[in-house]
Amino acid sequence: MDIISQLQEQVNLIAHLAFNTIGTLQRDAPPNRLSPNYPEPPAHPTEDAANFAEQPKIMSAALVKAAKQFDALVAALPISEGGEEAQLKRITELQAENDMIGQELQKQLEAAERELNQVQELYRQASDNCLNLKKPE
């Protein structure tokens, strides 16, 4: 897998972890009183309060680990030599090469189509000759 695909996978993992972390916190967080003017919120039935206290730590550690892996992948990207001007020049060269190859392929395609038409015409003539040689009964 190339490095760009790995970066995309890592971004997807970070997004997945972030959404799961936020969703879990929303779902499991105990209610808080917003103002003294409001009544005390009902107790949140938690099966394991200690587990809830550990969840944010575990999830944040997973997010930090994924972010560090992403940073490592970014650091592994090849460094562009020569700056933007050299890159633009290289892109121009590659586009010109691509155009030349495209024209060559187009010529080959046209030649192949002509040959196919010739073969089809010869096949049609051969099948017509075979049909004309048979005498009707």
C-alpha atoms as a PDB file:
ATOM      1  CA  MET A   1       0.000   0.000   0.000  1.00  0.00           C
ATOM      2  CA  ASP A   2       1.433   3.394  -0.956  1.00  0.00           C
ATOM      3  CA  ILE A   3       1.964   6.141   1.588  1.00  0.00           C
ATOM      4  CA  ILE A   4      -0.955   8.264   0.364  1.00  0.00           C
ATOM      5  CA  SER A   5      -3.341   5.335   0.883  1.00  0.00           C
ATOM      6  CA  GLN A   6      -1.867   4.791   4.331  1.00  0.00           C
ATOM      7  CA  LEU A   7      -2.422   8.467   5.141  1.00  0.00           C
ATOM      8  CA  GLN A   8      -6.055   8.187   4.011  1.00  0.00           C
ATOM      9  CA  GLU A   9      -6.541   5.076   6.134  1.00  0.00           C
ATOM     10  CA  GLN A  10      -5.035   6.886   9.121  1.00  0.00           C
ATOM     11  CA  VAL A  11      -7.331   9.903   8.611  1.00  0.00           C
ATOM     12  CA  ASN A  12     -10.292   7.536   8.470  1.00  0.00           C
ATOM     13  CA  LEU A  13      -9.125   5.865  11.689  1.00  0.00           C
ATOM     14  CA  ILE A  14      -8.749   9.221  13.455  1.00  0.00           C
ATOM     15  CA  ALA A  15     -12.248  10.259  12.339  1.00  0.00           C
ATOM     16  CA  HIS A  16     -13.656   6.910  13.493  1.00  0.00           C
ATOM     17  CA  LEU A  17     -11.992   7.217  16.889  1.00  0.00           C
ATOM     18  CA  ALA A  18     -13.122  10.826  17.307  1.00  0.00           C
ATOM     19  CA  PHE A  19     -16.748  10.033  16.489  1.00  0.00           C
ATOM     20  CA  ASN A  20     -16.775   7.003  18.772  1.00  0.00           C
ATOM     21  CA  THR A  21     -15.148   8.963  21.605  1.00  0.00           C
ATOM     22  CA  ILE A  22     -17.632  11.822  21.385  1.00  0.00           C
ATOM     23  CA  GLY A  23     -20.576   9.447  21.058  1.00  0.00           C
ATOM     24  CA  THR A  24     -19.461   7.372  24.029  1.00  0.00           C
ATOM     25  CA  LEU A  25     -18.942  10.453  26.168  1.00  0.00           C
ATOM     26  CA  GLN A  26     -22.381  11.787  25.236  1.00  0.00           C
ATOM     27  CA  ARG A  27     -24.014   8.465  25.953  1.00  0.00           C
ATOM     28  CA  ASP A  28     -22.265   7.594  29.215  1.00  0.00           C
ATOM     29  CA  ALA A  29     -21.558  10.962  30.831  1.00  0.00           C
ATOM     30  CA  PRO A  30     -23.460  11.589  34.060  1.00  0.00           C
ATOM     31  CA  PRO A  31     -25.960  14.467  33.928  1.00  0.00           C
ATOM     32  CA  ASN A  32     -24.893  17.828  35.340  1.00  0.00           C
ATOM     33  CA  ARG A  33     -27.006  20.596  36.752  1.00  0.00           C
ATOM     34  CA  LEU A  34     -26.907  23.562  34.373  1.00  0.00           C
ATOM     35  CA  SER A  35     -28.133  26.176  36.822  1.00  0.00           C
ATOM     36  CA  PRO A  36     -29.352  26.361  40.408  1.00  0.00           C
ATOM     37  CA  ASN A  37     -32.703  27.449  38.952  1.00  0.00           C
ATOM     38  CA  TYR A  38     -33.229  24.022  37.420  1.00  0.00           C
ATOM     39  CA  PRO A  39     -34.079  20.913  39.385  1.00  0.00           C
ATOM     40  CA  GLU A  40     -31.446  18.290  40.080  1.00  0.00           C
ATOM     41  CA  PRO A  41     -31.161  15.951  37.053  1.00  0.00           C
ATOM     42  CA  PRO A  42     -32.205  12.355  37.565  1.00  0.00           C
ATOM     43  CA  ALA A  43     -29.461   9.927  38.466  1.00  0.00           C
ATOM     44  CA  HIS A  44     -27.817   8.286  35.497  1.00  0.00           C
ATOM     45  CA  PRO A  45     -27.805   4.540  35.928  1.00  0.00           C
ATOM     46  CA  THR A  46     -24.195   3.514  35.406  1.00  0.00           C
ATOM     47  CA  GLU A  47     -23.219  -0.079  35.613  1.00  0.00           C
ATOM     48  CA  ASP A  48     -19.582   0.669  36.229  1.00  0.00           C
ATOM     49  CA  ALA A  49     -18.610   4.178  37.287  1.00  0.00           C
ATOM     50  CA  ALA A  50     -14.919   3.260  37.383  1.00  0.00           C
ATOM     51  CA  ASN A  51     -15.137   2.049  33.785  1.00  0.00           C
ATOM     52  CA  PHE A  52     -16.616   5.414  32.732  1.00  0.00           C
ATOM     53  CA  ALA A  53     -13.762   7.237  34.429  1.00  0.00           C
ATOM     54  CA  GLU A  54     -11.235   5.160  32.470  1.00  0.00           C
ATOM     55  CA  GLN A  55     -12.965   5.344  29.081  1.00  0.00           C
ATOM     56  CA  PRO A  56     -11.910   8.933  28.242  1.00  0.00           C
ATOM     57  CA  LYS A  57      -8.303   8.101  29.109  1.00  0.00           C
ATOM     58  CA  ILE A  58      -8.289   4.990  26.931  1.00  0.00           C
ATOM     59  CA  MET A  59     -10.027   6.718  24.036  1.00  0.00           C
ATOM     60  CA  SER A  60      -7.811   9.799  24.186  1.00  0.00           C
ATOM     61  CA  ALA A  61      -4.735   7.561  24.253  1.00  0.00           C
ATOM     62  CA  ALA A  62      -5.997   5.813  21.097  1.00  0.00           C
ATOM     63  CA  LEU A  63      -6.562   9.194  19.423  1.00  0.00           C
ATOM     64  CA  VAL A  64      -3.085  10.402  20.367  1.00  0.00           C
ATOM     65  CA  LYS A  65      -1.534   7.166  19.099  1.00  0.00           C
ATOM     66  CA  ALA A  66      -3.381   7.482  15.770  1.00  0.00           C
ATOM     67  CA  ALA A  67      -2.306  11.123  15.463  1.00  0.00           C
ATOM     68  CA  LYS A  68       1.324  10.180  16.122  1.00  0.00           C
ATOM     69  CA  GLN A  69       1.140   7.455  13.459  1.00  0.00           C
ATOM     70  CA  PHE A  70      -0.282  10.037  11.053  1.00  0.00           C
ATOM     71  CA  ASP A  71       2.584  12.402  11.864  1.00  0.00           C
ATOM     72  CA  ALA A  72       5.067   9.590  11.255  1.00  0.00           C
ATOM     73  CA  LEU A  73       3.515   8.886   7.857  1.00  0.00           C
ATOM     74  CA  VAL A  74       3.654  12.575   6.934  1.00  0.00           C
ATOM     75  CA  ALA A  75       7.304  12.660   7.972  1.00  0.00           C
ATOM     76  CA  ALA A  76       7.952   9.656   5.707  1.00  0.00           C
ATOM     77  CA  LEU A  77       6.679  11.506   2.635  1.00  0.00           C
ATOM     78  CA  PRO A  78       9.458  12.212   0.170  1.00  0.00           C
ATOM     79  CA  ILE A  79      10.800  15.736   0.329  1.00  0.00           C
ATOM     80  CA  SER A  80      10.345  17.675  -2.846  1.00  0.00           C
ATOM     81  CA  GLU A  81      13.638  18.759  -4.311  1.00  0.00           C
ATOM     82  CA  GLY A  82      13.925  22.062  -6.102  1.00  0.00           C
ATOM     83  CA  GLY A  83      10.764  23.636  -4.791  1.00  0.00           C
ATOM     84  CA  GLU A  84       7.560  24.516  -6.538  1.00  0.00           C
ATOM     85  CA  GLU A  85       9.184  25.649  -9.787  1.00  0.00           C
ATOM     86  CA  ALA A  86      10.898  22.288 -10.260  1.00  0.00           C
ATOM     87  CA  GLN A  87       7.644  20.472  -9.509  1.00  0.00           C
ATOM     88  CA  LEU A  88       5.732  22.552 -12.069  1.00  0.00           C
ATOM     89  CA  LYS A  89       8.455  21.930 -14.649  1.00  0.00           C
ATOM     90  CA  ARG A  90       8.306  18.179 -13.952  1.00  0.00           C
ATOM     91  CA  ILE A  91       4.512  18.213 -14.220  1.00  0.00           C
ATOM     92  CA  THR A  92       4.778  19.991 -17.583  1.00  0.00           C
ATOM     93  CA  GLU A  93       7.315  17.433 -18.815  1.00  0.00           C
ATOM     94  CA  LEU A  94       5.110  14.539 -17.677  1.00  0.00           C
ATOM     95  CA  GLN A  95       2.060  16.066 -19.352  1.00  0.00           C
ATOM     96  CA  ALA A  96       3.975  16.477 -22.623  1.00  0.00           C
ATOM     97  CA  GLU A  97       5.179  12.874 -22.401  1.00  0.00           C
ATOM     98  CA  ASN A  98       1.642  11.737 -21.640  1.00  0.00           C
ATOM     99  CA  ASP A  99       0.323  13.634 -24.682  1.00  0.00           C
ATOM    100  CA  MET A 100       2.945  12.054 -26.968  1.00  0.00           C
ATOM    101  CA  ILE A 101       2.158   8.569 -25.698  1.00  0.00           C
ATOM    102  CA  GLY A 102      -1.555   9.288 -26.026  1.00  0.00           C
ATOM    103  CA  GLN A 103      -1.107  10.301 -29.684  1.00  0.00           C
ATOM    104  CA  GLU A 104       0.939   7.168 -30.351  1.00  0.00           C
ATOM    105  CA  LEU A 105      -1.732   5.004 -28.744  1.00  0.00           C
ATOM    106  CA  GLN A 106      -4.417   6.767 -30.783  1.00  0.00           C
ATOM    107  CA  LYS A 107      -2.488   5.984 -33.996  1.00  0.00           C
ATOM    108  CA  GLN A 108      -2.139   2.344 -32.939  1.00  0.00           C
ATOM    109  CA  LEU A 109      -5.851   2.189 -32.134  1.00  0.00           C
ATOM    110  CA  GLU A 110      -6.757   3.587 -35.534  1.00  0.00           C
ATOM    111  CA  ALA A 111      -4.433   1.081 -37.253  1.00  0.00           C
ATOM    112  CA  ALA A 112      -5.964  -1.764 -35.253  1.00  0.00           C
ATOM    113  CA  GLU A 113      -9.473  -0.609 -36.200  1.00  0.00           C
ATOM    114  CA  ARG A 114      -8.498  -0.533 -39.895  1.00  0.00           C
ATOM    115  CA  GLU A 115      -7.039  -4.029 -39.610  1.00  0.00           C
ATOM    116  CA  LEU A 116     -10.173  -5.236 -37.826  1.00  0.00           C
ATOM    117  CA  ASN A 117     -12.336  -3.821 -40.609  1.00  0.00           C
ATOM    118  CA  GLN A 118     -10.182  -5.591 -43.210  1.00  0.00           C
ATOM    119  CA  VAL A 119     -10.419  -8.893 -41.351  1.00  0.00           C
ATOM    120  CA  GLN A 120     -14.178  -8.517 -40.987  1.00  0.00           C
ATOM    121  CA  GLU A 121     -14.527  -7.784 -44.712  1.00  0.00           C
ATOM    122  CA  LEU A 122     -12.386 -10.835 -45.620  1.00  0.00           C
ATOM    123  CA  TYR A 123     -14.439 -12.984 -43.239  1.00  0.00           C
ATOM    124  CA  ARG A 124     -17.664 -11.700 -44.799  1.00  0.00           C
ATOM    125  CA  GLN A 125     -16.349 -12.460 -48.291  1.00  0.00           C
ATOM    126  CA  ALA A 126     -15.184 -15.936 -47.238  1.00  0.00           C
ATOM    127  CA  SER A 127     -18.540 -16.770 -45.653  1.00  0.00           C
ATOM    128  CA  ASP A 128     -20.396 -15.464 -48.729  1.00  0.00           C
ATOM    129  CA  ASN A 129     -18.195 -17.627 -50.983  1.00  0.00           C
ATOM    130  CA  CYS A 130     -18.846 -20.684 -48.817  1.00  0.00           C
ATOM    131  CA  LEU A 131     -22.596 -20.098 -48.938  1.00  0.00           C
ATOM    132  CA  ASN A 132     -22.538 -19.601 -52.704  1.00  0.00           C
ATOM    133  CA  LEU A 133     -20.625 -22.883 -53.271  1.00  0.00           C
ATOM    134  CA  LYS A 134     -23.343 -24.991 -51.654  1.00  0.00           C
ATOM    135  CA  LYS A 135     -26.062 -26.028 -54.011  1.00  0.00           C
ATOM    136  CA  PRO A 136     -29.615 -25.709 -52.761  1.00  0.00           C
ATOM    137  CA  GLU A 137     -31.353 -29.042 -52.403  1.00  0.00           C
END
